[in-house]
C-alpha atoms as a PDB file:
ATOM      1  CA  MET A   1      35.370  59.259 171.694  1.00  0.00           C
ATOM      2  CA  ASN A   2      34.749  58.578 175.381  1.00  0.00           C
ATOM      3  CA  LEU A   3      37.937  56.484 175.390  1.00  0.00           C
ATOM      4  CA  VAL A   4      39.898  59.302 173.713  1.00  0.00           C
ATOM      5  CA  LEU A   5      38.628  61.821 176.256  1.00  0.00           C
ATOM      6  CA  TYR A   6      39.384  59.429 179.098  1.00  0.00           C
ATOM      7  CA  LEU A   7      42.961  59.162 177.858  1.00  0.00           C
ATOM      8  CA  SER A   8      43.132  62.809 176.781  1.00  0.00           C
ATOM      9  CA  PRO A   9      45.396  64.118 179.575  1.00  0.00           C
ATOM     10  CA  ALA A  10      47.996  61.481 178.693  1.00  0.00           C
ATOM     11  CA  VAL A  11      47.599  62.193 174.956  1.00  0.00           C
ATOM     12  CA  ILE A  12      48.124  65.951 175.327  1.00  0.00           C
ATOM     13  CA  PHE A  13      51.002  65.300 177.766  1.00  0.00           C
ATOM     14  CA  LEU A  14      52.786  63.173 175.155  1.00  0.00           C
ATOM     15  CA  ILE A  15      52.169  65.727 172.380  1.00  0.00           C
ATOM     16  CA  MET A  16      53.473  68.598 174.532  1.00  0.00           C
ATOM     17  CA  LEU A  17      56.475  66.498 175.582  1.00  0.00           C
ATOM     18  CA  GLY A  18      57.338  66.254 171.891  1.00  0.00           C
ATOM     19  CA  VAL A  19      57.041  70.043 171.548  1.00  0.00           C
ATOM     20  CA  GLY A  20      59.545  70.477 174.377  1.00  0.00           C
ATOM     21  CA  MET A  21      61.967  67.941 172.887  1.00  0.00           C
ATOM     22  CA  ASN A  22      61.966  69.910 169.632  1.00  0.00           C
ATOM     23  CA  VAL A  23      63.263  73.029 171.388  1.00  0.00           C
ATOM     24  CA  ASN A  24      66.940  73.377 170.631  1.00  0.00           C
ATOM     25  CA  PHE A  25      68.268  75.519 173.471  1.00  0.00           C
ATOM     26  CA  LYS A  26      70.818  77.247 171.222  1.00  0.00           C
ATOM     27  CA  ASN A  27      68.104  78.146 168.719  1.00  0.00           C
ATOM     28  CA  PHE A  28      65.911  79.338 171.573  1.00  0.00           C
ATOM     29  CA  ILE A  29      68.691  81.685 172.705  1.00  0.00           C
ATOM     30  CA  GLU A  30      68.946  83.001 169.139  1.00  0.00           C
ATOM     31  CA  VAL A  31      65.212  83.698 169.138  1.00  0.00           C
ATOM     32  CA  LEU A  32      65.501  85.562 172.454  1.00  0.00           C
ATOM     33  CA  LYS A  33      68.095  87.873 170.889  1.00  0.00           C
ATOM     34  CA  ASP A  34      65.362  89.296 168.670  1.00  0.00           C
ATOM     35  CA  LEU A  35      62.755  90.063 171.303  1.00  0.00           C
ATOM     36  CA  LYS A  36      60.767  92.248 168.905  1.00  0.00           C
ATOM     37  CA  VAL A  37      59.889  89.308 166.653  1.00  0.00           C
ATOM     38  CA  LEU A  38      59.141  87.051 169.626  1.00  0.00           C
ATOM     39  CA  PHE A  39      56.919  89.725 171.177  1.00  0.00           C
ATOM     40  CA  ILE A  40      55.005  90.215 167.909  1.00  0.00           C
ATOM     41  CA  GLY A  41      54.429  86.485 167.647  1.00  0.00           C
ATOM     42  CA  LEU A  42      53.157  86.245 171.222  1.00  0.00           C
ATOM     43  CA  LEU A  43      51.020  89.371 170.783  1.00  0.00           C
ATOM     44  CA  SER A  44      49.414  87.948 167.655  1.00  0.00           C
ATOM     45  CA  GLN A  45      48.749  84.546 169.197  1.00  0.00           C
ATOM     46  CA  MET A  46      47.832  85.337 172.789  1.00  0.00           C
ATOM     47  CA  VAL A  47      46.169  88.760 172.542  1.00  0.00           C
ATOM     48  CA  ILE A  48      44.980  89.610 169.029  1.00  0.00           C
ATOM     49  CA  LEU A  49      43.662  86.136 168.168  1.00  0.00           C
ATOM     50  CA  PRO A  50      41.493  85.773 171.313  1.00  0.00           C
ATOM     51  CA  ILE A  51      40.182  89.312 170.744  1.00  0.00           C
ATOM     52  CA  ILE A  52      39.172  88.325 167.213  1.00  0.00           C
ATOM     53  CA  GLY A  53      37.415  85.263 168.638  1.00  0.00           C
ATOM     54  CA  LEU A  54      35.572  87.294 171.275  1.00  0.00           C
ATOM     55  CA  LEU A  55      34.437  89.960 168.793  1.00  0.00           C
ATOM     56  CA  PHE A  56      33.491  87.386 166.180  1.00  0.00           C
ATOM     57  CA  ALA A  57      31.488  85.411 168.733  1.00  0.00           C
ATOM     58  CA  PHE A  58      29.787  88.575 170.002  1.00  0.00           C
ATOM     59  CA  PHE A  59      28.505  89.570 166.556  1.00  0.00           C
ATOM     60  CA  ALA A  60      27.954  86.070 165.119  1.00  0.00           C
ATOM     61  CA  PRO A  61      24.225  85.261 164.630  1.00  0.00           C
ATOM     62  CA  VAL A  62      24.505  81.833 166.290  1.00  0.00           C
ATOM     63  CA  ASP A  63      23.500  80.290 169.606  1.00  0.00           C
ATOM     64  CA  SER A  64      25.601  80.524 172.766  1.00  0.00           C
ATOM     65  CA  VAL A  65      27.123  77.051 172.404  1.00  0.00           C
ATOM     66  CA  LEU A  66      28.648  77.946 169.034  1.00  0.00           C
ATOM     67  CA  LYS A  67      29.725  81.368 170.320  1.00  0.00           C
ATOM     68  CA  LEU A  68      31.627  79.693 173.144  1.00  0.00           C
ATOM     69  CA  GLY A  69      33.041  77.143 170.694  1.00  0.00           C
ATOM     70  CA  ILE A  70      34.447  80.012 168.616  1.00  0.00           C
ATOM     71  CA  ILE A  71      36.088  81.534 171.687  1.00  0.00           C
ATOM     72  CA  LEU A  72      37.449  78.153 172.743  1.00  0.00           C
ATOM     73  CA  ILE A  73      39.206  77.507 169.423  1.00  0.00           C
ATOM     74  CA  THR A  74      40.755  81.000 169.326  1.00  0.00           C
ATOM     75  CA  CYS A  75      42.184  80.952 172.864  1.00  0.00           C
ATOM     76  CA  VAL A  76      44.188  77.714 172.646  1.00  0.00           C
ATOM     77  CA  PRO A  77      47.880  77.788 171.629  1.00  0.00           C
ATOM     78  CA  SER A  78      49.172  76.839 168.184  1.00  0.00           C
ATOM     79  CA  ALA A  79      49.218  73.202 167.110  1.00  0.00           C
ATOM     80  CA  VAL A  80      52.246  70.950 166.996  1.00  0.00           C
ATOM     81  CA  THR A  81      51.731  70.690 163.220  1.00  0.00           C
ATOM     82  CA  SER A  82      52.518  74.415 162.832  1.00  0.00           C
ATOM     83  CA  ASN A  83      56.229  73.640 163.274  1.00  0.00           C
ATOM     84  CA  TYR A  84      56.256  71.231 160.328  1.00  0.00           C
ATOM     85  CA  ILE A  85      54.169  73.529 158.141  1.00  0.00           C
ATOM     86  CA  THR A  86      56.576  76.383 158.941  1.00  0.00           C
ATOM     87  CA  LYS A  87      59.498  74.208 157.850  1.00  0.00           C
ATOM     88  CA  LEU A  88      57.775  73.306 154.561  1.00  0.00           C
ATOM     89  CA  ALA A  89      56.910  76.977 153.961  1.00  0.00           C
ATOM     90  CA  GLY A  90      60.495  78.131 154.479  1.00  0.00           C
ATOM     91  CA  GLY A  91      59.755  79.970 157.720  1.00  0.00           C
ATOM     92  CA  ASN A  92      61.802  80.431 160.875  1.00  0.00           C
ATOM     93  CA  VAL A  93      61.519  76.974 162.469  1.00  0.00           C
ATOM     94  CA  ALA A  94      63.341  78.011 165.656  1.00  0.00           C
ATOM     95  CA  LEU A  95      60.864  80.860 166.144  1.00  0.00           C
ATOM     96  CA  SER A  96      57.928  78.548 165.375  1.00  0.00           C
ATOM     97  CA  VAL A  97      58.993  75.926 167.916  1.00  0.00           C
ATOM     98  CA  SER A  98      59.721  78.621 170.511  1.00  0.00           C
ATOM     99  CA  LEU A  99      56.299  80.228 170.065  1.00  0.00           C
ATOM    100  CA  THR A 100      54.547  76.852 170.251  1.00  0.00           C
ATOM    101  CA  ALA A 101      56.442  75.979 173.430  1.00  0.00           C
ATOM    102  CA  ILE A 102      55.955  79.370 175.129  1.00  0.00           C
ATOM    103  CA  THR A 103      52.232  79.623 174.353  1.00  0.00           C
ATOM    104  CA  ALA A 104      51.741  76.041 175.544  1.00  0.00           C
ATOM    105  CA  CYS A 105      53.536  76.897 178.796  1.00  0.00           C
ATOM    106  CA  LEU A 106      51.381  79.998 179.317  1.00  0.00           C
ATOM    107  CA  SER A 107      48.094  78.313 178.362  1.00  0.00           C
ATOM    108  CA  PHE A 108      47.444  77.102 181.913  1.00  0.00           C
ATOM    109  CA  VAL A 109      46.793  80.760 182.801  1.00  0.00           C
ATOM    110  CA  SER A 110      45.613  82.262 179.504  1.00  0.00           C
ATOM    111  CA  ILE A 111      42.856  79.731 178.694  1.00  0.00           C
ATOM    112  CA  PRO A 112      41.086  79.804 182.105  1.00  0.00           C
ATOM    113  CA  PHE A 113      41.468  83.605 182.221  1.00  0.00           C
ATOM    114  CA  ILE A 114      39.817  84.092 178.826  1.00  0.00           C
ATOM    115  CA  LEU A 115      37.076  81.517 179.406  1.00  0.00           C
ATOM    116  CA  LYS A 116      36.125  82.371 182.978  1.00  0.00           C
ATOM    117  CA  ILE A 117      37.011  86.056 183.408  1.00  0.00           C
ATOM    118  CA  VAL A 118      36.847  87.726 179.980  1.00  0.00           C
ATOM    119  CA  THR A 119      34.168  85.763 178.102  1.00  0.00           C
ATOM    120  CA  PRO A 120      31.273  86.387 180.560  1.00  0.00           C
ATOM    121  CA  ILE A 121      31.983  90.135 180.303  1.00  0.00           C
ATOM    122  CA  VAL A 122      31.620  90.056 176.520  1.00  0.00           C
ATOM    123  CA  ILE A 123      28.846  87.473 176.154  1.00  0.00           C
ATOM    124  CA  ASP A 124      25.906  87.335 178.552  1.00  0.00           C
ATOM    125  CA  GLU A 125      25.145  83.701 177.695  1.00  0.00           C
ATOM    126  CA  ALA A 126      28.583  82.570 178.893  1.00  0.00           C
ATOM    127  CA  THR A 127      27.395  81.812 182.418  1.00  0.00           C
ATOM    128  CA  VAL A 128      28.452  78.183 181.950  1.00  0.00           C
ATOM    129  CA  PHE A 129      32.093  79.314 181.915  1.00  0.00           C
ATOM    130  CA  GLN A 130      31.584  81.250 185.139  1.00  0.00           C
ATOM    131  CA  GLU A 131      30.846  77.956 186.849  1.00  0.00           C
ATOM    132  CA  LEU A 132      34.297  76.614 185.985  1.00  0.00           C
ATOM    133  CA  ASN A 133      36.804  76.241 188.792  1.00  0.00           C
ATOM    134  CA  PHE A 134      39.644  78.561 187.717  1.00  0.00           C
ATOM    135  CA  ALA A 135      42.276  76.995 190.005  1.00  0.00           C
ATOM    136  CA  LYS A 136      41.322  73.421 189.107  1.00  0.00           C
ATOM    137  CA  MET A 137      41.321  74.149 185.370  1.00  0.00           C
ATOM    138  CA  SER A 138      44.670  75.990 185.595  1.00  0.00           C
ATOM    139  CA  LEU A 139      46.242  73.145 187.548  1.00  0.00           C
ATOM    140  CA  GLY A 140      44.955  70.584 185.042  1.00  0.00           C
ATOM    141  CA  LEU A 141      46.330  72.545 182.074  1.00  0.00           C
ATOM    142  CA  LEU A 142      49.602  73.123 183.932  1.00  0.00           C
ATOM    143  CA  LEU A 143      50.075  69.369 184.346  1.00  0.00           C
ATOM    144  CA  ILE A 144      49.208  68.418 180.760  1.00  0.00           C
ATOM    145  CA  THR A 145      50.766  71.349 178.847  1.00  0.00           C
ATOM    146  CA  THR A 146      53.351  73.380 180.752  1.00  0.00           C
ATOM    147  CA  VAL A 147      55.009  70.558 182.712  1.00  0.00           C
ATOM    148  CA  PRO A 148      55.562  68.222 179.718  1.00  0.00           C
ATOM    149  CA  VAL A 149      56.975  71.064 177.569  1.00  0.00           C
ATOM    150  CA  LEU A 150      59.467  71.975 180.298  1.00  0.00           C
ATOM    151  CA  LEU A 151      60.225  68.287 180.835  1.00  0.00           C
ATOM    152  CA  GLY A 152      60.821  67.871 177.099  1.00  0.00           C
ATOM    153  CA  ILE A 153      63.241  70.829 177.074  1.00  0.00           C
ATOM    154  CA  PHE A 154      65.078  69.293 180.054  1.00  0.00           C
ATOM    155  CA  VAL A 155      65.310  65.885 178.343  1.00  0.00           C
ATOM    156  CA  ARG A 156      66.559  67.538 175.121  1.00  0.00           C
ATOM    157  CA  THR A 157      69.210  69.436 177.089  1.00  0.00           C
ATOM    158  CA  LYS A 158      70.451  66.516 179.204  1.00  0.00           C
ATOM    159  CA  PHE A 159      70.066  63.665 176.702  1.00  0.00           C
ATOM    160  CA  SER A 160      70.532  65.423 173.356  1.00  0.00           C
ATOM    161  CA  ILE A 161      72.054  62.401 171.544  1.00  0.00           C
ATOM    162  CA  PHE A 162      69.181  60.132 172.602  1.00  0.00           C
ATOM    163  CA  VAL A 163      66.591  62.765 171.651  1.00  0.00           C
ATOM    164  CA  GLU A 164      68.191  63.246 168.216  1.00  0.00           C
ATOM    165  CA  LYS A 165      67.809  59.514 167.589  1.00  0.00           C
ATOM    166  CA  ILE A 166      64.129  59.312 168.558  1.00  0.00           C
ATOM    167  CA  ASN A 167      62.924  62.785 167.570  1.00  0.00           C
ATOM    168  CA  LYS A 168      61.878  61.897 164.030  1.00  0.00           C
ATOM    169  CA  PHE A 169      59.863  58.920 165.254  1.00  0.00           C
ATOM    170  CA  TYR A 170      58.425  60.878 168.168  1.00  0.00           C
ATOM    171  CA  SER A 171      57.430  63.781 165.909  1.00  0.00           C
ATOM    172  CA  ILE A 172      55.482  61.402 163.660  1.00  0.00           C
ATOM    173  CA  PHE A 173      53.983  59.773 166.750  1.00  0.00           C
ATOM    174  CA  SER A 174      52.860  63.201 168.063  1.00  0.00           C
ATOM    175  CA  ILE A 175      51.177  64.079 164.775  1.00  0.00           C
ATOM    176  CA  ILE A 176      49.392  60.721 164.724  1.00  0.00           C
ATOM    177  CA  LEU A 177      48.064  61.379 168.249  1.00  0.00           C
ATOM    178  CA  PHE A 178      46.991  64.898 167.228  1.00  0.00           C
ATOM    179  CA  VAL A 179      45.194  63.647 164.103  1.00  0.00           C
ATOM    180  CA  THR A 180      43.578  60.813 166.080  1.00  0.00           C
ATOM    181  CA  ILE A 181      41.927  63.309 168.430  1.00  0.00           C
ATOM    182  CA  ILE A 182      40.674  65.386 165.490  1.00  0.00           C
ATOM    183  CA  PHE A 183      39.229  62.353 163.715  1.00  0.00           C
ATOM    184  CA  ALA A 184      37.692  61.070 166.936  1.00  0.00           C
ATOM    185  CA  ALA A 185      35.963  64.434 167.383  1.00  0.00           C
ATOM    186  CA  TRP A 186      34.739  64.391 163.781  1.00  0.00           C
ATOM    187  CA  PHE A 187      33.340  60.902 164.298  1.00  0.00           C
ATOM    188  CA  SER A 188      31.715  61.784 167.628  1.00  0.00           C
ATOM    189  CA  GLU A 189      30.264  65.073 166.388  1.00  0.00           C
ATOM    190  CA  TRP A 190      29.702  63.958 162.771  1.00  0.00           C
ATOM    191  CA  ASP A 191      26.004  64.822 162.632  1.00  0.00           C
ATOM    192  CA  SER A 192      26.689  68.178 164.262  1.00  0.00           C
ATOM    193  CA  ILE A 193      29.579  68.908 161.896  1.00  0.00           C
ATOM    194  CA  ILE A 194      27.507  68.083 158.804  1.00  0.00           C
ATOM    195  CA  ASP A 195      24.768  70.393 160.071  1.00  0.00           C
ATOM    196  CA  LEU A 196      27.365  73.040 160.923  1.00  0.00           C
ATOM    197  CA  TYR A 197      28.802  72.906 157.411  1.00  0.00           C
ATOM    198  CA  LYS A 198      25.350  73.608 156.070  1.00  0.00           C
ATOM    199  CA  SER A 199      24.411  76.277 158.613  1.00  0.00           C
ATOM    200  CA  ILE A 200      27.611  78.072 159.619  1.00  0.00           C
ATOM    201  CA  GLY A 201      30.289  76.719 157.267  1.00  0.00           C
ATOM    202  CA  LEU A 202      30.582  80.156 155.701  1.00  0.00           C
ATOM    203  CA  LEU A 203      30.785  81.749 159.149  1.00  0.00           C
ATOM    204  CA  ALA A 204      33.615  79.439 160.238  1.00  0.00           C
ATOM    205  CA  LEU A 205      35.394  80.078 156.951  1.00  0.00           C
ATOM    206  CA  SER A 206      35.022  83.813 157.542  1.00  0.00           C
ATOM    207  CA  LEU A 207      36.600  83.458 161.000  1.00  0.00           C
ATOM    208  CA  ALA A 208      39.568  81.579 159.549  1.00  0.00           C
ATOM    209  CA  ILE A 209      40.047  84.137 156.759  1.00  0.00           C
ATOM    210  CA  ILE A 210      39.823  87.068 159.202  1.00  0.00           C
ATOM    211  CA  VAL A 211      42.511  85.457 161.397  1.00  0.00           C
ATOM    212  CA  LEU A 212      44.696  84.909 158.332  1.00  0.00           C
ATOM    213  CA  ILE A 213      44.235  88.453 156.979  1.00  0.00           C
ATOM    214  CA  THR A 214      44.763  90.093 160.387  1.00  0.00           C
ATOM    215  CA  SER A 215      48.007  88.158 160.926  1.00  0.00           C
ATOM    216  CA  TYR A 216      49.146  89.075 157.409  1.00  0.00           C
ATOM    217  CA  ILE A 217      48.448  92.783 157.928  1.00  0.00           C
ATOM    218  CA  LEU A 218      50.189  92.773 161.337  1.00  0.00           C
ATOM    219  CA  VAL A 219      53.464  91.208 160.165  1.00  0.00           C
ATOM    220  CA  ASN A 220      53.608  93.349 157.022  1.00  0.00           C
ATOM    221  CA  TYR A 221      52.862  96.558 158.911  1.00  0.00           C
ATOM    222  CA  LEU A 222      55.682  95.826 161.371  1.00  0.00           C
ATOM    223  CA  GLY A 223      58.163  95.125 158.585  1.00  0.00           C
ATOM    224  CA  LEU A 224      59.397  91.644 159.455  1.00  0.00           C
ATOM    225  CA  ASN A 225      61.517  89.566 157.100  1.00  0.00           C
ATOM    226  CA  GLU A 226      59.854  86.956 154.919  1.00  0.00           C
ATOM    227  CA  ALA A 227      60.728  83.928 157.067  1.00  0.00           C
ATOM    228  CA  ASN A 228      59.424  85.541 160.261  1.00  0.00           C
ATOM    229  CA  LYS A 229      56.275  86.736 158.475  1.00  0.00           C
ATOM    230  CA  LYS A 230      55.428  83.204 157.361  1.00  0.00           C
ATOM    231  CA  THR A 231      56.157  81.817 160.817  1.00  0.00           C
ATOM    232  CA  ILE A 232      53.931  84.207 162.763  1.00  0.00           C
ATOM    233  CA  ILE A 233      51.077  83.887 160.250  1.00  0.00           C
ATOM    234  CA  ILE A 234      51.193  80.082 160.455  1.00  0.00           C
ATOM    235  CA  GLU A 235      51.554  80.060 164.265  1.00  0.00           C
ATOM    236  CA  SER A 236      48.554  82.384 164.626  1.00  0.00           C
ATOM    237  CA  PHE A 237      46.433  80.565 162.073  1.00  0.00           C
ATOM    238  CA  ILE A 238      47.022  76.891 162.958  1.00  0.00           C
ATOM    239  CA  GLN A 239      45.203  76.422 166.244  1.00  0.00           C
ATOM    240  CA  ASN A 240      45.573  73.458 168.590  1.00  0.00           C
ATOM    241  CA  ALA A 241      42.154  72.016 167.849  1.00  0.00           C
ATOM    242  CA  ALA A 242      43.084  68.849 169.740  1.00  0.00           C
ATOM    243  CA  MET A 243      43.459  70.861 172.943  1.00  0.00           C
ATOM    244  CA  ALA A 244      40.225  72.766 172.265  1.00  0.00           C
ATOM    245  CA  ILE A 245      38.408  69.467 171.700  1.00  0.00           C
ATOM    246  CA  ILE A 246      39.804  67.994 174.906  1.00  0.00           C
ATOM    247  CA  VAL A 247      39.095  71.112 177.012  1.00  0.00           C
ATOM    248  CA  GLY A 248      35.561  71.286 175.581  1.00  0.00           C
ATOM    249  CA  GLY A 249      34.926  67.565 175.836  1.00  0.00           C
ATOM    250  CA  VAL A 250      36.329  67.026 179.319  1.00  0.00           C
ATOM    251  CA  THR A 251      34.746  70.188 180.741  1.00  0.00           C
ATOM    252  CA  PHE A 252      31.332  69.975 179.100  1.00  0.00           C
ATOM    253  CA  GLY A 253      31.047  66.376 177.970  1.00  0.00           C
ATOM    254  CA  VAL A 254      30.876  64.549 174.657  1.00  0.00           C
ATOM    255  CA  GLU A 255      28.288  65.849 172.168  1.00  0.00           C
ATOM    256  CA  SER A 256      27.976  69.098 174.116  1.00  0.00           C
ATOM    257  CA  GLY A 257      28.516  71.015 170.883  1.00  0.00           C
ATOM    258  CA  TYR A 258      31.650  72.810 172.051  1.00  0.00           C
ATOM    259  CA  MET A 259      33.894  70.286 170.304  1.00  0.00           C
ATOM    260  CA  ALA A 260      32.065  70.559 166.984  1.00  0.00           C
ATOM    261  CA  MET A 261      33.268  74.106 166.273  1.00  0.00           C
ATOM    262  CA  ALA A 262      36.862  73.135 167.076  1.00  0.00           C
ATOM    263  CA  ALA A 263      36.659  70.090 164.797  1.00  0.00           C
ATOM    264  CA  LEU A 264      35.144  72.201 162.003  1.00  0.00           C
ATOM    265  CA  TYR A 265      37.832  74.879 162.303  1.00  0.00           C
ATOM    266  CA  ALA A 266      40.551  72.193 162.406  1.00  0.00           C
ATOM    267  CA  LEU A 267      39.341  70.850 159.073  1.00  0.00           C
ATOM    268  CA  LEU A 268      39.028  74.289 157.485  1.00  0.00           C
ATOM    269  CA  GLN A 269      42.435  75.608 158.581  1.00  0.00           C
ATOM    270  CA  TYR A 270      44.291  72.837 156.763  1.00  0.00           C
ATOM    271  CA  LYS A 271      42.051  73.055 153.700  1.00  0.00           C
ATOM    272  CA  ILE A 272      42.766  76.792 153.442  1.00  0.00           C
ATOM    273  CA  LEU A 273      46.526  76.301 153.774  1.00  0.00           C
ATOM    274  CA  LEU A 274      46.440  73.534 151.161  1.00  0.00           C
ATOM    275  CA  PHE A 275      44.484  75.819 148.814  1.00  0.00           C
ATOM    276  CA  LEU A 276      46.972  78.680 149.343  1.00  0.00           C
ATOM    277  CA  TRP A 277      49.915  76.330 148.775  1.00  0.00           C
ATOM    278  CA  ALA A 278      48.409  74.945 145.557  1.00  0.00           C
ATOM    279  CA  THR A 279      47.546  78.456 144.327  1.00  0.00           C
ATOM    280  CA  ASN A 280      51.066  79.677 145.037  1.00  0.00           C
ATOM    281  CA  LYS A 281      52.571  76.719 143.152  1.00  0.00           C
ATOM    282  CA  PHE A 282      50.225  77.362 140.213  1.00  0.00           C
ATOM    283  CA  PHE A 283      51.119  81.057 139.881  1.00  0.00           C
ATOM    284  CA  LYS A 284      54.834  80.303 140.210  1.00  0.00           C
ATOM    285  CA  LYS A 285      54.584  77.949 137.241  1.00  0.00           C
ATOM    286  CA  ILE A 286      52.755  80.598 135.228  1.00  0.00           C
END
């Protein structure tokens, strides 16, 4: 895991580069034409989700490390895998990719702001986040998230034929990198994760279900079409656990406990989606 964390800036850079190269500029323009849907997606991901994390952490009967782990996993942008899940679910892929790219670009401001400014106001025990260097953290996230996404968009625009040829391979490569980080965190924090399953597995499951239900209520209340509903729910639900693990690991060190919550949530979010998919298939057959 130390090796993964040592290479983590390069790993996230490569993953975010792939996100940028998936942005079709024409599709992005189409998404911008419906600003209402884009705004709802950003609101759900960048405002409502962190608020859920802060409130959940505030009331959760767990120690401060786990509280901060909850906040960490709910303030990162959506994962690169959300785009592929959206495609399989019949959602709006252009909207999904656009939301992933935009939230990744904004994360260099949103993550430090939530961790350093907002969290200590809500949770007294969050003094460790107050010690973070806001400018240094923002600059680091800018270089490994925002810059590669913009670079990927530029490469896609200028070298579209080349990108079309390598995109399938690069997409698989990005997912492998993403999964590698998750598995490395599981391995590093295995004892903690096993204990967490026993002690707060139900709590983590509750967090995931609350995020899912809140997203579902939001998109249905605002009357979006089916494809956009699926997209925003998936984008809000599938969190970039790899980024949370790296931010937690690099900032606080391996086996600090902050990565364990992210690794646990990463496992649960895919299990829940798989369960919902299987249930949906079962009822359709009936």
